[in-house]
Protein backbone atom coordinates (compact mmCIF):
# COMPACT_ATOMS: atom_id res chain seq x y z
CA MET A 1 18.06 -4.10 4.00
CA PRO A 2 15.58 -4.04 6.90
CA ARG A 3 13.73 -7.15 7.94
CA LYS A 4 10.58 -7.91 5.99
CA LEU A 5 7.30 -7.03 7.63
CA ALA A 6 3.98 -8.82 8.01
CA ALA A 7 1.49 -6.26 9.32
CA GLY A 8 -2.09 -6.99 10.33
CA ASN A 9 -4.79 -4.31 10.36
CA TRP A 10 -7.73 -5.41 12.48
CA LYS A 11 -9.76 -2.33 11.52
CA MET A 12 -12.92 -1.99 13.69
CA ASN A 13 -12.78 -5.56 14.94
CA GLY A 14 -11.77 -7.10 18.24
CA THR A 15 -12.42 -6.97 21.96
CA ALA A 16 -10.33 -8.07 24.92
CA ALA A 17 -11.14 -11.69 24.11
CA SER A 18 -9.36 -11.24 20.77
CA LEU A 19 -5.99 -10.77 22.47
CA ASP A 20 -5.68 -14.55 22.61
CA GLN A 21 -5.01 -14.40 18.86
CA ILE A 22 -1.92 -12.27 19.47
CA ASP A 23 -0.75 -14.79 22.06
CA ALA A 24 -1.17 -17.61 19.56
CA LEU A 25 0.61 -15.67 16.85
CA ALA A 26 3.56 -14.93 19.13
CA GLU A 27 3.89 -18.62 19.94
CA ALA A 28 3.85 -19.55 16.25
CA ASP A 29 6.30 -16.91 15.05
CA GLU A 30 9.99 -17.73 15.18
CA GLY A 31 11.12 -16.47 11.78
CA ALA A 32 13.22 -13.72 10.30
CA ALA A 33 10.38 -11.35 9.38
CA GLU A 34 8.93 -8.77 11.75
CA VAL A 35 5.29 -9.16 12.74
CA LEU A 36 3.01 -6.24 13.58
CA ILE A 37 -0.64 -6.19 14.65
CA CYS A 38 -2.66 -2.96 14.58
CA PRO A 39 -5.73 -3.62 16.76
CA PRO A 40 -8.40 -1.07 17.70
CA ALA A 41 -7.05 1.70 19.92
CA THR A 42 -8.94 0.24 22.89
CA LEU A 43 -6.65 -2.81 22.81
CA ILE A 44 -3.25 -1.26 22.12
CA HIS A 45 -2.05 -1.00 25.71
CA ALA A 46 -3.20 -4.48 26.71
CA ALA A 47 -1.81 -5.98 23.51
CA ALA A 48 1.56 -4.31 23.97
CA GLN A 49 1.80 -5.68 27.51
CA ARG A 50 1.50 -9.28 26.31
CA ALA A 51 2.77 -9.24 22.73
CA ARG A 52 6.03 -11.18 23.35
CA GLY A 53 7.85 -10.41 20.11
CA VAL A 54 4.87 -9.22 18.07
CA MET A 55 4.93 -5.46 17.59
CA ILE A 56 1.74 -3.47 18.21
CA GLY A 57 0.63 -0.51 16.13
CA ALA A 58 -2.27 1.90 15.69
CA GLN A 59 -4.61 2.44 12.76
CA ASP A 60 -4.70 6.25 12.70
CA CYS A 61 -3.75 9.39 14.62
CA HIS A 62 -4.48 13.10 14.72
CA THR A 63 -2.09 15.59 13.18
CA ALA A 64 -1.68 17.45 16.49
CA ASP A 65 0.04 16.08 19.58
CA LYS A 66 -2.65 17.45 21.93
CA GLY A 67 -5.55 19.88 22.03
CA ALA A 68 -9.31 20.31 21.77
CA HIS A 69 -10.02 17.39 19.45
CA THR A 70 -12.77 15.37 21.08
CA GLY A 71 -12.58 11.68 20.30
CA ASP A 72 -9.20 11.85 18.55
CA LEU A 73 -5.91 10.29 19.61
CA SER A 74 -2.47 11.78 19.06
CA ALA A 75 0.67 9.94 18.04
CA PRO A 76 2.34 10.63 21.45
CA MET A 77 -0.70 9.13 23.20
CA LEU A 78 -0.52 6.02 21.02
CA ALA A 79 3.22 5.74 21.64
CA ASP A 80 2.54 6.00 25.37
CA ALA A 81 0.01 3.16 25.04
CA GLY A 82 2.68 0.95 23.45
CA ALA A 83 2.35 1.49 19.69
CA SER A 84 5.50 1.34 17.59
CA HIS A 85 3.84 2.01 14.22
CA ILE A 86 0.83 3.99 13.00
CA ILE A 87 -1.03 3.48 9.73
CA THR A 88 -1.65 6.67 7.74
CA GLY A 89 -3.59 7.25 4.55
CA HIS A 90 -5.54 4.00 4.45
CA SER A 91 -8.06 4.10 1.61
CA GLU A 92 -10.92 3.74 4.08
CA ARG A 93 -9.75 6.88 5.86
CA ARG A 94 -9.29 8.70 2.56
CA ALA A 95 -12.75 7.67 1.32
CA ASN A 96 -14.85 7.64 4.50
CA HIS A 97 -13.25 10.59 6.28
CA GLY A 98 -12.22 12.73 3.33
CA GLU A 99 -8.52 12.61 4.14
CA THR A 100 -6.48 14.39 1.49
CA ASP A 101 -2.83 13.82 0.64
CA ALA A 102 -2.03 16.93 2.69
CA VAL A 103 -3.77 15.48 5.74
CA VAL A 104 -1.98 12.15 5.28
CA ARG A 105 1.33 13.98 5.00
CA ALA A 106 0.66 15.91 8.22
CA LYS A 107 -0.32 12.73 10.07
CA THR A 108 2.83 11.01 8.83
CA GLU A 109 4.92 13.90 10.12
CA ALA A 110 3.12 13.61 13.47
CA VAL A 111 4.00 9.92 13.62
CA TRP A 112 7.66 10.71 13.03
CA ALA A 113 7.64 13.51 15.62
CA ALA A 114 6.48 10.95 18.18
CA GLY A 115 9.41 8.69 17.29
CA LEU A 116 7.25 6.06 15.60
CA THR A 117 7.20 4.46 12.15
CA ALA A 118 4.45 5.35 9.67
CA ILE A 119 2.86 2.78 7.38
CA LEU A 120 1.63 5.05 4.62
CA CYS A 121 -0.99 3.59 2.28
CA ILE A 122 -1.55 4.44 -1.36
CA GLY A 123 -3.71 2.81 -4.02
CA GLU A 124 -6.01 3.30 -6.98
CA THR A 125 -9.71 2.61 -7.43
CA LEU A 126 -11.07 0.14 -9.99
CA ASP A 127 -12.16 3.00 -12.28
CA GLN A 128 -8.66 4.45 -12.16
CA ARG A 129 -7.10 1.05 -12.87
CA GLU A 130 -9.40 0.42 -15.83
CA ALA A 131 -8.72 3.91 -17.19
CA GLY A 132 -4.97 3.20 -17.18
CA GLU A 133 -4.33 5.85 -14.53
CA THR A 134 -2.76 3.67 -11.83
CA LEU A 135 0.78 4.99 -11.96
CA GLU A 136 -0.36 8.57 -12.36
CA VAL A 137 -2.58 8.25 -9.27
CA LEU A 138 0.16 6.62 -7.21
CA ALA A 139 2.72 9.22 -8.27
CA GLU A 140 0.35 11.98 -7.13
CA GLN A 141 -0.34 10.26 -3.81
CA MET A 142 3.36 9.69 -3.13
CA ALA A 143 4.25 13.28 -4.02
CA GLY A 144 1.50 14.68 -1.82
CA SER A 145 1.52 12.23 1.08
CA VAL A 146 5.20 11.40 1.65
CA PRO A 147 6.93 14.18 3.61
CA ASP A 148 10.44 15.38 2.94
CA GLY A 149 13.30 14.05 5.02
CA VAL A 150 12.43 10.36 4.75
CA THR A 151 14.65 7.73 6.29
CA GLY A 152 14.03 4.04 5.81
CA THR A 153 13.46 3.48 9.51
CA GLN A 154 10.68 6.07 9.63
CA LEU A 155 8.56 4.98 6.72
CA VAL A 156 6.88 1.91 5.28
CA ILE A 157 4.74 2.31 2.15
CA ALA A 158 1.85 -0.07 1.55
CA TYR A 159 0.37 -0.41 -1.93
CA GLU A 160 -3.27 -1.30 -1.46
CA PRO A 161 -5.33 -1.24 -4.64
CA VAL A 162 -8.73 -0.10 -3.40
CA TRP A 163 -10.53 -2.56 -5.64
CA ALA A 164 -8.69 -5.51 -4.05
CA ILE A 165 -9.37 -4.69 -0.39
CA GLY A 166 -11.80 -7.19 1.07
CA THR A 167 -13.05 -8.25 -2.35
CA GLY A 168 -11.05 -11.40 -2.96
CA LYS A 169 -9.69 -9.82 -6.14
CA VAL A 170 -5.91 -9.65 -6.41
CA PRO A 171 -3.77 -7.93 -9.06
CA THR A 172 -1.63 -10.18 -11.18
CA THR A 173 1.97 -10.58 -10.08
CA ASP A 174 2.99 -8.54 -13.14
CA GLN A 175 0.72 -5.70 -12.01
CA ILE A 176 2.13 -5.84 -8.47
CA ALA A 177 5.67 -5.94 -9.84
CA GLU A 178 5.03 -2.89 -12.02
CA VAL A 179 3.71 -0.85 -9.10
CA HIS A 180 6.41 -1.87 -6.62
CA GLU A 181 9.17 -1.13 -9.12
CA PHE A 182 7.51 2.22 -9.78
CA MET A 183 7.33 3.06 -6.06
CA PHE A 184 10.97 2.08 -5.57
CA LYS A 185 12.06 4.31 -8.45
CA LYS A 186 10.02 7.24 -7.17
CA LEU A 187 11.69 6.94 -3.77
CA GLU A 188 15.10 6.56 -5.39
CA ASP A 189 14.62 9.62 -7.60
CA ARG A 190 13.44 11.78 -4.68
CA PHE A 191 15.52 10.54 -1.76
CA GLY A 192 18.39 8.50 -3.20
CA SER A 193 19.17 4.80 -3.52
CA GLU A 194 20.02 4.25 0.15
CA VAL A 195 16.66 5.52 1.39
CA ALA A 196 14.82 3.62 -1.35
CA GLY A 197 16.61 0.43 -0.37
CA ASP A 198 15.80 0.91 3.31
CA THR A 199 12.10 1.74 2.83
CA ARG A 200 9.97 -1.37 2.99
CA LEU A 201 7.25 -1.66 0.35
CA LEU A 202 4.28 -3.79 1.38
CA TYR A 203 1.46 -5.18 -0.72
CA GLY A 204 -2.07 -5.22 0.70
CA GLY A 205 -5.41 -6.37 -0.64
CA SER A 206 -6.95 -9.84 -0.22
CA VAL A 207 -3.64 -11.38 0.89
CA LYS A 208 -4.14 -14.89 2.25
CA ALA A 209 -2.21 -18.10 2.79
CA SER A 210 -3.07 -19.41 -0.67
CA ASN A 211 -1.50 -16.46 -2.55
CA ALA A 212 1.14 -15.17 -0.13
CA THR A 213 4.07 -17.18 -1.48
CA GLU A 214 3.43 -15.98 -5.03
CA ILE A 215 3.09 -12.35 -3.94
CA PHE A 216 6.23 -12.42 -1.78
CA ALA A 217 8.26 -13.68 -4.74
CA VAL A 218 7.65 -10.40 -6.58
CA PRO A 219 10.68 -8.05 -6.59
CA HIS A 220 10.46 -5.11 -4.16
CA VAL A 221 7.62 -6.71 -2.19
CA ASP A 222 8.99 -6.54 1.35
CA GLY A 223 5.93 -7.89 3.12
CA ALA A 224 2.20 -7.37 3.39
CA LEU A 225 -0.47 -5.28 5.07
CA VAL A 226 -3.22 -7.79 5.78
CA GLY A 227 -6.81 -7.08 6.76
CA GLY A 228 -9.33 -9.83 7.43
CA ALA A 229 -6.81 -12.66 7.36
CA SER A 230 -4.95 -11.10 10.30
CA LEU A 231 -7.86 -11.42 12.72
CA LYS A 232 -7.13 -15.06 13.52
CA ALA A 233 -3.69 -16.50 14.18
CA GLU A 234 -4.53 -19.65 12.22
CA ASP A 235 -5.07 -17.50 9.10
CA PHE A 236 -2.26 -14.99 9.63
CA ALA A 237 0.48 -17.40 10.74
CA PRO A 238 0.74 -19.11 7.30
CA ILE A 239 1.19 -15.68 5.71
CA VAL A 240 3.98 -14.91 8.17
CA GLU A 241 5.52 -18.31 7.44
CA ALA A 242 5.44 -17.58 3.69
CA LEU A 243 7.21 -14.28 4.28
CA ASN A 244 9.81 -15.97 6.45
CA ALA A 245 10.43 -18.46 3.66
CA ALA A 246 10.91 -15.60 1.18
CA THR A 247 13.39 -13.80 3.44
């Protein structure tokens, strides 16, 4: 089983002055779990130069490795800057940029082609949750977004219920357990038990120090994808510590 993973997504936050937070996090982290920070693309190279044990990732990439795509960044470029992981399919990309499952699949394949690990996000909206469609939605997203040929070292899947991101609302542990067991079984049915066992399943959505221990006790929760609470080391370090304790 791979090491558990605490991943931070800074989204569109952070300048050069924010790199001190990565320094502080590196000093605080001495546990068994892996720690990843995905800052804005402008900070990836500088962050990777000083990370000292904290991995650095990117928040998105283009499907192509080069070409006439003004303003876009390819997976090989991000790898060259020092990224080891790239997030694909985040709900904000799906909603704000119209990314379909097919686009997410192509981006994930581009991440793999560059020799990096994809953190592929799936999740349902509040309307879908209240309509009892959660598992149906997630099954469709996994079928459409996850490429063939998965190995556990290439792929991390993050379950991020859209209605819990940045809202302070968190699913119950029973709801998280149901989804993570469902994701594991879907991977097992499609790729076999070895791949399913090697593919880390993260939970994301209003994760903070006060609820991390409870969430990490849920079966098949192999870590977290954290948004706002990852911006400051003093907020993210306790989450990392809770994951270390659960390892």
